[in-house]
Protein backbone atom coordinates (compact mmCIF):
# COMPACT_ATOMS: atom_id res chain seq x y z
CA MET A 1 -31.17 4.22 6.62
CA GLY A 2 -32.40 3.57 9.83
CA THR A 3 -30.77 3.50 12.97
CA CYS A 4 -28.82 0.91 15.35
CA SER A 5 -31.34 -0.75 17.34
CA TYR A 6 -29.43 -4.21 18.02
CA LEU A 7 -28.69 -4.97 21.36
CA LEU A 8 -25.53 -6.86 21.97
CA THR A 9 -24.38 -8.66 25.47
CA GLY A 10 -27.29 -5.94 26.79
CA PHE A 11 -25.98 -2.38 25.41
CA GLN A 12 -27.09 -0.72 22.57
CA LEU A 13 -25.05 -0.15 19.54
CA LYS A 14 -23.90 3.12 19.20
CA PRO A 15 -24.35 4.59 15.17
CA ILE A 16 -20.92 5.36 13.45
CA PRO A 17 -19.64 8.35 14.00
CA PHE A 18 -19.07 9.82 10.76
CA ASP A 19 -17.51 13.22 10.53
CA ASN A 20 -17.61 13.65 6.93
CA ARG A 21 -15.54 16.65 6.28
CA TYR A 22 -14.52 15.83 2.50
CA ALA A 23 -18.02 16.39 1.32
CA GLU A 24 -17.98 19.92 3.07
CA LEU A 25 -15.29 20.77 0.05
CA GLY A 26 -18.35 21.36 -2.16
CA ASP A 27 -20.10 19.43 -5.38
CA SER A 28 -17.44 20.19 -7.63
CA PHE A 29 -15.18 17.61 -5.80
CA TYR A 30 -17.14 14.55 -6.17
CA ALA A 31 -20.34 13.16 -7.60
CA ARG A 32 -22.87 12.26 -4.57
CA THR A 33 -23.77 8.00 -5.43
CA ASP A 34 -25.12 5.43 -3.29
CA PRO A 35 -23.87 2.10 -3.66
CA ALA A 36 -25.66 -0.21 -5.54
CA PRO A 37 -27.44 -3.20 -4.09
CA VAL A 38 -26.30 -6.82 -4.72
CA SER A 39 -28.57 -10.14 -4.66
CA ASP A 40 -26.61 -12.32 -1.62
CA PRO A 41 -24.25 -10.55 0.57
CA ALA A 42 -21.91 -13.10 2.49
CA LEU A 43 -19.17 -11.94 4.84
CA VAL A 44 -16.08 -13.30 4.03
CA ILE A 45 -14.31 -11.11 6.60
CA ILE A 46 -14.12 -8.68 8.99
CA ASN A 47 -11.12 -7.15 10.85
CA ARG A 48 -12.26 -7.00 14.15
CA ALA A 49 -8.92 -5.85 15.29
CA LEU A 50 -8.70 -2.19 13.34
CA GLY A 51 -12.27 -1.81 13.97
CA GLU A 52 -11.54 -1.60 17.61
CA GLU A 53 -8.67 0.66 16.60
CA LEU A 54 -11.27 2.68 14.82
CA GLY A 55 -13.36 3.04 17.76
CA LEU A 56 -16.39 0.73 15.77
CA ALA A 57 -16.25 -2.03 18.30
CA ASP A 58 -19.86 -1.40 19.71
CA THR A 59 -21.29 -0.25 16.57
CA CYS A 60 -23.62 -1.12 14.02
CA LEU A 61 -20.38 -2.75 12.52
CA VAL A 62 -20.34 -5.91 14.94
CA SER A 63 -24.62 -6.07 14.16
CA PRO A 64 -26.48 -8.29 11.77
CA ASP A 65 -26.68 -5.11 9.60
CA ALA A 66 -22.94 -5.08 9.28
CA THR A 67 -22.56 -7.30 5.76
CA ALA A 68 -25.47 -5.12 4.27
CA ILE A 69 -23.53 -1.96 4.94
CA LEU A 70 -19.92 -3.35 3.76
CA ALA A 71 -22.00 -5.10 0.69
CA GLY A 72 -23.57 -1.55 -0.20
CA ASN A 73 -27.08 -3.03 0.61
CA ARG A 74 -27.73 -0.64 3.67
CA VAL A 75 -26.23 3.00 4.07
CA PRO A 76 -25.93 3.52 7.62
CA GLU A 77 -27.34 6.64 9.06
CA GLY A 78 -24.71 9.75 9.11
CA ALA A 79 -22.68 8.14 6.26
CA ALA A 80 -22.14 10.78 2.69
CA PRO A 81 -21.41 8.18 0.11
CA LEU A 82 -19.74 9.76 -2.92
CA ALA A 83 -17.26 9.05 -5.86
CA MET A 84 -14.22 11.22 -5.70
CA ALA A 85 -12.84 13.55 -8.61
CA TYR A 86 -9.57 13.52 -9.94
CA ALA A 87 -7.82 13.44 -12.75
CA GLY A 88 -3.84 11.64 -13.34
CA HIS A 89 -1.03 10.79 -15.51
CA GLN A 90 -1.52 6.70 -16.66
CA PHE A 91 1.73 5.81 -17.58
CA GLY A 92 2.85 9.48 -18.77
CA HIS A 93 0.02 10.37 -19.96
CA PHE A 94 -2.52 12.96 -18.99
CA VAL A 95 -6.00 12.40 -18.49
CA PRO A 96 -8.09 14.97 -17.33
CA GLN A 97 -11.08 13.20 -15.65
CA LEU A 98 -10.81 9.67 -13.90
CA GLY A 99 -12.45 9.54 -10.56
CA ASP A 100 -13.52 6.50 -8.52
CA GLY A 101 -15.50 4.44 -11.29
CA ARG A 102 -16.31 1.43 -8.99
CA ALA A 103 -15.60 2.79 -5.43
CA LEU A 104 -17.18 5.00 -2.72
CA LEU A 105 -16.16 7.30 -0.06
CA LEU A 106 -18.53 5.83 2.14
CA GLY A 107 -17.78 8.74 4.84
CA GLN A 108 -15.22 9.70 7.25
CA ILE A 109 -15.21 9.31 10.84
CA GLY A 110 -13.43 10.60 13.80
CA ARG A 111 -10.81 8.38 15.39
CA PRO A 112 -10.22 8.24 19.02
CA ASP A 113 -7.12 10.02 18.52
CA GLY A 114 -8.56 12.63 17.00
CA THR A 115 -8.04 12.34 13.53
CA LEU A 116 -10.28 11.29 10.62
CA ALA A 117 -10.11 8.02 8.96
CA ASP A 118 -11.70 7.68 5.15
CA ILE A 119 -14.19 4.43 4.92
CA HIS A 120 -14.00 3.42 1.17
CA LEU A 121 -16.23 0.71 -0.56
CA LYS A 122 -14.81 -0.94 -3.57
CA GLY A 123 -16.90 -2.71 -5.94
CA SER A 124 -19.86 -0.99 -4.76
CA GLY A 125 -21.17 -0.27 -8.36
CA ARG A 126 -21.53 2.32 -11.16
CA THR A 127 -20.61 6.31 -10.86
CA ALA A 128 -20.16 9.23 -12.58
CA PHE A 129 -16.85 8.08 -13.42
CA SER A 130 -17.22 4.66 -14.59
CA ARG A 131 -16.77 5.47 -18.12
CA GLY A 132 -18.73 2.54 -19.50
CA GLY A 133 -17.56 0.39 -16.63
CA ASP A 134 -19.70 -2.09 -14.38
CA GLY A 135 -18.17 -0.71 -11.42
CA ARG A 136 -17.63 -3.94 -9.63
CA SER A 137 -14.95 -5.91 -8.42
CA ALA A 138 -14.20 -9.83 -9.23
CA LEU A 139 -13.79 -11.40 -5.70
CA GLY A 140 -10.18 -12.38 -7.01
CA PRO A 141 -9.24 -8.71 -6.46
CA VAL A 142 -10.93 -7.85 -3.57
CA LEU A 143 -9.24 -11.08 -1.34
CA ARG A 144 -5.76 -9.64 -3.04
CA GLU A 145 -6.16 -6.55 -2.03
CA TYR A 146 -7.15 -8.36 1.77
CA LEU A 147 -4.16 -10.11 1.75
CA VAL A 148 -1.85 -8.04 0.70
CA SER A 149 -2.88 -4.34 2.48
CA GLU A 150 -3.02 -6.09 5.91
CA ALA A 151 0.21 -7.48 5.50
CA MET A 152 1.67 -4.34 4.70
CA ALA A 153 0.41 -3.29 7.91
CA GLN A 154 2.22 -5.79 9.85
CA LEU A 155 5.55 -5.14 8.04
CA GLY A 156 5.17 -1.36 9.26
CA VAL A 157 4.78 0.15 5.61
CA PRO A 158 2.43 2.87 5.22
CA THR A 159 -0.76 1.47 3.82
CA THR A 160 -4.42 1.73 3.48
CA ARG A 161 -6.15 -0.55 5.89
CA ALA A 162 -8.42 -3.39 4.96
CA LEU A 163 -11.78 -3.49 7.38
CA ALA A 164 -14.08 -6.18 5.19
CA ALA A 165 -14.56 -8.13 2.27
CA VAL A 166 -18.07 -9.50 1.36
CA THR A 167 -18.86 -11.58 -1.79
CA THR A 168 -21.86 -10.63 -3.71
CA GLY A 169 -23.60 -13.50 -4.80
CA GLU A 170 -23.18 -11.82 -8.27
CA GLN A 171 -21.11 -12.63 -11.36
CA VAL A 172 -18.81 -10.03 -12.91
CA ALA A 173 -17.62 -10.05 -16.50
CA ARG A 174 -14.20 -9.85 -17.35
CA HIS A 175 -12.24 -12.60 -19.28
CA GLU A 176 -14.96 -14.86 -18.16
CA LEU A 177 -17.86 -14.54 -15.43
CA LEU A 178 -16.24 -14.65 -12.21
CA PRO A 179 -18.43 -14.25 -8.53
CA GLY A 180 -18.20 -10.65 -7.28
CA GLY A 181 -16.94 -9.34 -4.30
CA VAL A 182 -16.65 -5.43 -2.34
CA ILE A 183 -13.66 -4.44 -0.10
CA THR A 184 -13.92 -1.95 2.65
CA ARG A 185 -10.58 -0.42 3.07
CA ILE A 186 -9.66 2.79 5.43
CA ALA A 187 -7.43 5.45 4.65
CA ALA A 188 -5.70 8.35 6.38
CA SER A 189 -6.96 10.15 2.85
CA PHE A 190 -7.79 8.57 -0.35
CA VAL A 191 -7.06 11.89 -2.07
CA ARG A 192 -4.36 11.76 -4.50
CA VAL A 193 -1.64 13.43 -6.50
CA GLY A 194 -4.42 13.12 -9.39
CA THR A 195 -7.07 14.90 -7.33
CA PHE A 196 -4.99 18.14 -7.45
CA GLU A 197 -4.44 18.07 -11.11
CA TYR A 198 -8.47 17.38 -11.98
CA PHE A 199 -8.70 21.17 -10.19
CA SER A 200 -5.39 22.33 -11.78
CA SER A 201 -6.06 21.39 -14.95
CA ARG A 202 -9.10 23.20 -15.46
CA GLY A 203 -7.77 26.09 -13.67
CA ASP A 204 -9.62 26.08 -10.70
CA LEU A 205 -6.95 27.41 -8.05
CA GLU A 206 -9.65 28.12 -5.74
CA ALA A 207 -10.66 24.09 -5.80
CA VAL A 208 -6.82 23.46 -5.53
CA THR A 209 -6.29 25.85 -2.20
CA ARG A 210 -9.32 24.17 -0.33
CA LEU A 211 -8.22 20.84 -1.24
CA ALA A 212 -4.85 21.49 0.14
CA ASP A 213 -5.89 23.47 2.92
CA TYR A 214 -7.78 20.61 3.70
CA VAL A 215 -5.47 18.12 3.49
CA ILE A 216 -2.92 19.75 5.69
CA GLN A 217 -5.66 20.20 8.16
CA HIS A 218 -6.13 16.52 8.72
CA ASN A 219 -3.41 14.95 7.54
CA TYR A 220 -0.17 17.36 7.64
CA PRO A 221 -1.17 19.71 10.99
CA ASP A 222 1.97 20.34 12.19
CA CYS A 223 2.45 22.61 8.73
CA ARG A 224 0.02 24.94 9.79
CA GLU A 225 2.06 27.14 12.37
CA ALA A 226 5.27 26.95 9.38
CA ALA A 227 5.88 30.52 8.18
CA GLN A 228 4.71 29.34 4.76
CA PRO A 229 2.53 26.63 5.37
CA TYR A 230 2.00 25.35 1.66
CA ARG A 231 5.79 24.95 1.11
CA ALA A 232 6.24 23.28 4.57
CA TRP A 233 3.63 21.38 3.16
CA PHE A 234 5.20 20.11 0.03
CA GLY A 235 8.36 19.08 1.89
CA ALA A 236 6.68 17.17 4.12
CA VAL A 237 4.73 15.63 1.06
CA ILE A 238 8.08 14.57 -0.68
CA ASP A 239 9.55 13.31 3.23
CA ARG A 240 6.66 10.89 3.42
CA GLN A 241 6.74 9.85 -0.42
CA ALA A 242 10.79 9.22 -0.10
CA ALA A 243 10.17 7.30 2.89
CA LEU A 244 7.58 4.95 1.32
CA ILE A 245 9.11 4.27 -1.58
CA ALA A 246 12.45 3.18 0.49
CA ARG A 247 10.51 0.60 2.09
CA TRP A 248 9.02 -0.69 -0.84
CA MET A 249 12.61 -1.52 -2.00
CA GLN A 250 13.50 -2.94 1.23
CA ILE A 251 10.70 -5.72 1.34
CA GLY A 252 10.97 -6.08 -2.55
CA PHE A 253 7.54 -4.66 -2.79
CA ILE A 254 6.33 -3.79 -6.69
CA HIS A 255 3.53 -1.12 -6.76
CA GLY A 256 2.65 -1.71 -10.21
CA VAL A 257 1.32 1.11 -11.43
CA MET A 258 2.55 4.25 -10.20
CA ASN A 259 0.11 6.38 -11.95
CA THR A 260 -0.72 9.87 -10.56
CA ASP A 261 -3.69 8.35 -9.56
CA ASN A 262 -2.98 6.00 -7.47
CA MET A 263 -0.32 8.17 -5.38
CA SER A 264 -1.71 8.75 -2.08
CA ILE A 265 -1.13 12.45 -0.85
CA ALA A 266 -0.60 10.92 2.72
CA GLY A 267 2.22 8.69 2.03
CA GLU A 268 0.32 5.40 2.23
CA THR A 269 0.29 2.53 -0.25
CA ILE A 270 -3.03 2.90 -2.03
CA ASP A 271 -4.68 0.70 -4.84
CA TYR A 272 -3.50 -3.01 -4.67
CA GLY A 273 -4.10 -3.83 -8.32
CA PRO A 274 -0.86 -5.36 -10.09
CA CYS A 275 0.79 -5.80 -7.29
CA ALA A 276 3.60 -8.03 -5.99
CA PHE A 277 6.21 -9.10 -3.96
CA MET A 278 9.48 -10.10 -5.86
CA ASP A 279 10.52 -14.12 -5.51
CA HIS A 280 14.09 -14.19 -6.97
CA TYR A 281 15.93 -10.85 -7.50
CA ALA A 282 15.66 -9.08 -10.27
CA HIS A 283 16.20 -5.36 -10.82
CA ASP A 284 14.19 -4.46 -13.39
CA GLN A 285 11.40 -7.05 -12.61
CA VAL A 286 8.29 -6.30 -13.88
CA TYR A 287 4.57 -8.07 -12.91
CA SER A 288 2.04 -5.77 -14.12
CA SER A 289 0.60 -7.00 -17.31
CA ILE A 290 -0.32 -3.16 -17.82
CA ASP A 291 3.13 -2.16 -17.64
CA ARG A 292 4.70 -3.64 -20.92
CA HIS A 293 7.56 -1.12 -21.10
CA GLY A 294 9.17 -1.73 -17.41
CA ARG A 295 7.97 2.13 -16.41
CA TYR A 296 7.27 0.86 -12.85
CA ALA A 297 9.72 -1.92 -12.82
CA TYR A 298 11.41 -2.45 -9.27
CA ASN A 299 14.64 -0.08 -9.79
CA ASN A 300 12.32 2.31 -11.30
CA GLN A 301 10.26 3.08 -8.65
CA PRO A 302 12.31 5.42 -6.49
CA ASN A 303 12.20 7.82 -9.81
CA ILE A 304 8.64 7.48 -10.78
CA GLY A 305 7.86 8.92 -6.91
CA LEU A 306 10.35 12.09 -8.38
CA TRP A 307 8.26 12.49 -11.66
CA ASP A 308 4.75 12.43 -9.56
CA LEU A 309 6.10 14.72 -7.00
CA THR A 310 6.57 16.97 -10.17
CA ARG A 311 3.45 16.49 -11.02
CA LEU A 312 1.52 17.51 -8.03
CA ALA A 313 4.26 20.33 -7.94
CA GLU A 314 2.96 21.79 -10.99
CA SER A 315 -0.67 21.47 -9.56
CA ILE A 316 0.07 23.54 -6.61
CA LEU A 317 2.56 25.83 -7.80
CA PRO A 318 0.61 29.14 -7.65
CA LEU A 319 0.55 28.20 -3.73
CA LEU A 320 4.11 27.98 -3.19
CA GLY A 321 5.30 31.90 -4.01
CA GLU A 322 3.84 35.14 -4.91
CA THR A 323 5.40 35.34 -8.50
CA THR A 324 5.56 32.06 -10.69
CA GLU A 325 9.60 32.85 -10.28
CA SER A 326 9.21 32.31 -6.68
CA ALA A 327 6.80 29.75 -6.82
CA ALA A 328 9.14 27.62 -9.10
CA GLU A 329 12.41 27.85 -7.07
CA ALA A 330 10.66 26.79 -4.31
CA ALA A 331 9.30 24.54 -5.41
CA LYS A 332 12.44 23.06 -7.60
CA ASP A 333 14.37 23.76 -4.25
CA ALA A 334 12.15 20.82 -2.63
CA LEU A 335 12.10 18.34 -5.21
CA GLU A 336 16.14 18.54 -5.73
CA LYS A 337 15.65 17.17 -1.63
CA TYR A 338 13.78 14.04 -2.63
CA ALA A 339 17.02 12.24 -4.27
CA GLY A 340 18.57 12.41 -0.69
CA LEU A 341 15.75 12.09 1.33
CA TYR A 342 15.31 8.76 -0.58
CA ALA A 343 18.66 7.57 -0.02
CA ASP A 344 19.08 8.45 3.56
CA TYR A 345 15.74 6.37 4.07
CA TRP A 346 17.12 3.31 1.49
CA LEU A 347 20.45 3.25 3.05
CA ASP A 348 19.06 3.25 7.21
CA GLY A 349 16.71 0.59 6.38
CA MET A 350 19.59 -1.25 4.14
CA ARG A 351 21.96 -1.17 7.05
CA ALA A 352 19.46 -2.38 9.41
CA LYS A 353 18.71 -5.27 7.12
CA THR A 354 22.18 -5.89 6.65
CA GLY A 355 23.32 -5.78 10.94
CA LEU A 356 25.11 -2.85 10.43
CA VAL A 357 24.68 -0.43 13.56
CA THR A 358 27.22 1.92 12.71
CA HIS A 359 27.78 4.17 9.30
CA ARG A 360 30.72 3.94 7.26
CA ASP A 361 31.09 5.27 3.70
CA GLU A 362 31.70 2.46 2.29
CA ASP A 363 28.03 0.61 3.48
CA GLU A 364 26.13 1.68 0.28
CA ALA A 365 28.73 -0.47 -1.88
CA LEU A 366 28.68 -2.88 0.36
CA ILE A 367 24.81 -3.16 -0.06
CA ASN A 368 24.93 -2.89 -3.51
CA GLU A 369 27.23 -5.48 -4.34
CA LEU A 370 25.29 -8.01 -2.26
CA PHE A 371 22.25 -7.06 -4.59
CA GLU A 372 24.31 -7.49 -7.44
CA VAL A 373 25.63 -11.52 -6.61
CA MET A 374 21.37 -12.05 -5.65
CA ALA A 375 20.63 -10.75 -9.42
CA ALA A 376 23.61 -12.43 -11.08
CA ASN A 377 22.26 -15.65 -8.95
CA ARG A 378 18.56 -15.45 -8.93
CA ALA A 379 18.76 -15.82 -5.47
CA ASP A 380 15.34 -15.45 -3.72
CA PHE A 381 15.00 -11.51 -2.32
CA THR A 382 12.92 -12.38 1.61
CA LEU A 383 14.83 -15.97 1.75
CA THR A 384 18.15 -14.22 1.28
CA PHE A 385 17.96 -11.34 4.24
CA HIS A 386 16.07 -14.04 6.26
CA TYR A 387 18.91 -16.35 6.28
CA LEU A 388 21.42 -13.70 6.80
CA SER A 389 19.48 -12.67 10.03
CA GLY A 390 21.09 -15.91 11.83
CA LEU A 391 24.33 -16.09 10.99
CA ALA A 392 27.38 -15.87 12.89
CA VAL A 393 30.27 -13.42 12.82
CA ASP A 394 33.19 -15.58 13.58
CA SER A 395 31.69 -18.78 12.06
CA THR A 396 30.39 -20.40 8.99
CA ASP A 397 28.48 -23.18 10.33
CA ARG A 398 24.75 -21.68 9.84
CA ASP A 399 25.76 -20.70 5.80
CA ALA A 400 24.26 -23.58 4.28
CA ASN A 401 20.65 -22.07 3.65
CA LEU A 402 21.63 -18.74 2.44
CA ARG A 403 24.65 -20.63 0.01
CA ALA A 404 21.87 -22.93 -1.36
CA LEU A 405 19.54 -19.62 -2.83
CA PHE A 406 22.56 -19.02 -5.10
CA GLU A 407 23.63 -21.00 -8.40
CA ASP A 408 27.53 -19.68 -7.66
CA PRO A 409 27.79 -20.01 -3.92
CA ALA A 410 31.56 -18.92 -4.15
CA SER A 411 30.05 -15.47 -5.13
CA ILE A 412 28.10 -15.11 -2.17
CA ASP A 413 31.17 -16.42 -0.16
CA ARG A 414 32.54 -13.62 -1.22
CA TRP A 415 30.71 -10.88 -0.15
CA LEU A 416 30.00 -12.73 3.56
CA ALA A 417 33.66 -12.55 3.79
CA ASN A 418 33.52 -8.60 3.56
CA TRP A 419 30.79 -8.27 5.50
CA ARG A 420 31.94 -10.27 7.87
CA SER A 421 35.01 -7.94 8.31
CA ARG A 422 32.92 -4.82 8.47
CA LEU A 423 30.69 -6.43 11.80
CA LYS A 424 33.85 -6.86 13.33
CA GLU A 425 35.07 -3.08 13.17
CA GLU A 426 32.23 -2.39 15.20
CA ASN A 427 32.45 -5.16 17.76
CA SER A 428 28.91 -6.96 16.88
CA ILE A 429 27.55 -9.33 18.78
CA ASP A 430 26.23 -11.92 17.25
CA ASN A 431 22.38 -12.49 19.29
CA ASP A 432 22.18 -8.86 19.53
CA ARG A 433 22.53 -8.41 15.54
CA GLN A 434 20.80 -11.41 14.92
CA ALA A 435 17.34 -10.02 16.66
CA LEU A 436 17.79 -6.56 15.39
CA MET A 437 18.03 -7.98 12.03
CA GLN A 438 15.19 -10.22 12.48
CA ALA A 439 13.09 -7.43 13.36
CA VAL A 440 13.43 -5.92 9.96
CA ASN A 441 13.69 -9.18 7.75
CA PRO A 442 10.50 -11.02 7.40
CA VAL A 443 10.23 -14.62 6.88
CA TYR A 444 6.96 -14.56 5.36
CA ILE A 445 5.63 -12.32 2.55
CA PRO A 446 2.21 -12.54 0.61
CA ARG A 447 3.77 -14.10 -2.18
CA ASN A 448 2.18 -14.44 -5.88
CA HIS A 449 1.92 -17.84 -6.12
CA ARG A 450 0.11 -18.28 -2.35
CA ILE A 451 -2.26 -15.62 -3.36
CA GLU A 452 -3.02 -17.14 -6.67
CA ALA A 453 -3.71 -20.25 -4.94
CA ALA A 454 -5.63 -18.54 -2.20
CA ILE A 455 -8.01 -16.37 -5.13
CA ARG A 456 -8.32 -19.77 -7.17
CA ALA A 457 -9.47 -21.62 -4.50
CA ALA A 458 -11.89 -19.14 -3.60
CA GLU A 459 -12.95 -18.53 -7.30
CA ASP A 460 -12.91 -21.96 -8.67
CA HIS A 461 -14.09 -24.02 -5.61
CA ASP A 462 -16.20 -21.57 -3.44
CA ASP A 463 -13.07 -22.49 -0.95
CA LEU A 464 -12.13 -19.36 1.43
CA SER A 465 -10.01 -21.63 3.43
CA VAL A 466 -6.77 -21.00 1.63
CA PHE A 467 -7.35 -17.48 2.02
CA HIS A 468 -8.00 -17.58 5.59
CA ASP A 469 -5.05 -19.82 6.46
CA LEU A 470 -2.73 -17.22 4.33
CA HIS A 471 -3.85 -14.33 5.92
CA ALA A 472 -3.54 -15.80 9.63
CA VAL A 473 0.30 -16.50 8.70
CA LEU A 474 0.93 -13.28 7.05
CA GLN A 475 -0.35 -11.48 10.42
CA THR A 476 2.78 -12.42 12.11
CA PRO A 477 5.62 -11.86 9.69
CA TYR A 478 8.51 -11.64 11.58
CA GLU A 479 7.80 -14.95 13.16
CA ARG A 480 8.70 -18.20 12.55
CA GLN A 481 5.39 -20.03 13.16
CA PRO A 482 5.77 -23.77 14.11
CA ASP A 483 4.60 -26.21 10.59
CA LYS A 484 4.27 -22.95 8.18
CA ASP A 485 7.59 -23.51 6.57
CA VAL A 486 5.34 -23.72 3.23
CA TYR A 487 4.60 -20.24 3.25
CA MET A 488 8.39 -19.26 3.15
CA TRP A 489 9.39 -21.05 0.36
CA PRO A 490 9.64 -19.32 -3.20
CA PRO A 491 7.58 -20.94 -5.90
CA GLU A 492 8.23 -24.44 -8.00
CA PRO A 493 8.83 -23.66 -11.63
CA ASP A 494 4.96 -24.70 -12.16
CA GLU A 495 3.76 -21.86 -9.73
CA VAL A 496 5.38 -19.05 -10.92
CA VAL A 497 3.15 -16.12 -11.19
CA GLN A 498 4.61 -14.24 -14.07
CA GLN A 499 2.16 -11.52 -14.51
CA THR A 500 -0.57 -9.62 -12.08
CA PHE A 501 -3.24 -7.69 -13.07
CA CYS A 502 -5.32 -5.42 -12.40
CA GLY A 503 -9.20 -5.87 -10.77
CA THR A 504 -10.59 -3.97 -14.00
């Protein structure tokens, strides 16, 4: 393993400050596994800003050894690589053992603020949970996850983060031979709903309790002081999940595979496999190639969030009451709050997107009417709200760009008349309202055809410049950037991405 000895600008680099609390939970929670070395690793990108936030700016991750660490060729001192055990409901069907089949929790570090961050290698080789898979990742899914997760962070959505991406110098066999890659990602926790299901399905209440205590301590510390900590924690998980999915809906994001093993207990977006952002608006939009019946379609996401939380409730039920009856009643009461929490988060966010500061009972109907008009006209989701952000209350002079998105411009004209009447009720000042709207309505999203172009250039032509250019634009999604309008536009007919694919 070795220590850091590389000198940088006159001072000796520190070891990475690992603090591996998850490894202390016990052998039943994981399988100890070292990453499998690759033949010729090369750095694609490292997120130096994130490294600084994590307190890693003067560690081995800025040394010549960094690429070896990020590729899995070198395990740094203090790391405790392990594949986490979990189960999960996949498209509604329970699978009692899944686990990290191509990823490893390299270790955990203490952040400067005292919290922990999990460092995960994905594409790092076979584990005890690989189930016949090769444990590797093609470069394309690595680039997709890096682009989308970092875009989500800049959009203000709770998410895992991408610390680095590397190529491996090797090929992986999928539908064809593809260049390999490894992504290093960061999370507040990689514990999932399925982690609790894993132990609950085995009747291991002691492990369920230990896991809940761990999650409360590290991700929900305020709940420790509650009169009933487990109930308070479950309520907080529900709240975070409702807020997260509301944010997805407000930006047109479709996760694509909301299985319980892909739902973070910390309330972060996790596992960017067949995810996608909508171009034209459709209530039931599906991109994921494995979602053949639309279970995880755009408009189903809020209900699936509740379904997944119900599976969590079943897994932790003994913690919620002294008797089965009292525990079931506590779970029912908590779950019944989800719909109201989600509705409030969604409506508050949509009011902000449409420039409504005060609250009126008719606001929800007004906003839903906009979505109906968008759906009927196949209007672009992101551009609709972007152009709406620049409109005036007392003038239609700037309406042309918005109207051009609609096959029947008269339909959006009718809605705009109602919207302007609503704004006049609160004496809206154009400049102030426009600034507030532009702060929540992005100009740029990681559009599917742009991601696909970056992947094709990298995998087919060994050209990473398309990836780097797109990533740079996505770092400031709310600001119109000079000479970058091409990144705003939806795809031309021959560029449309009909399906997105899981990295396996």
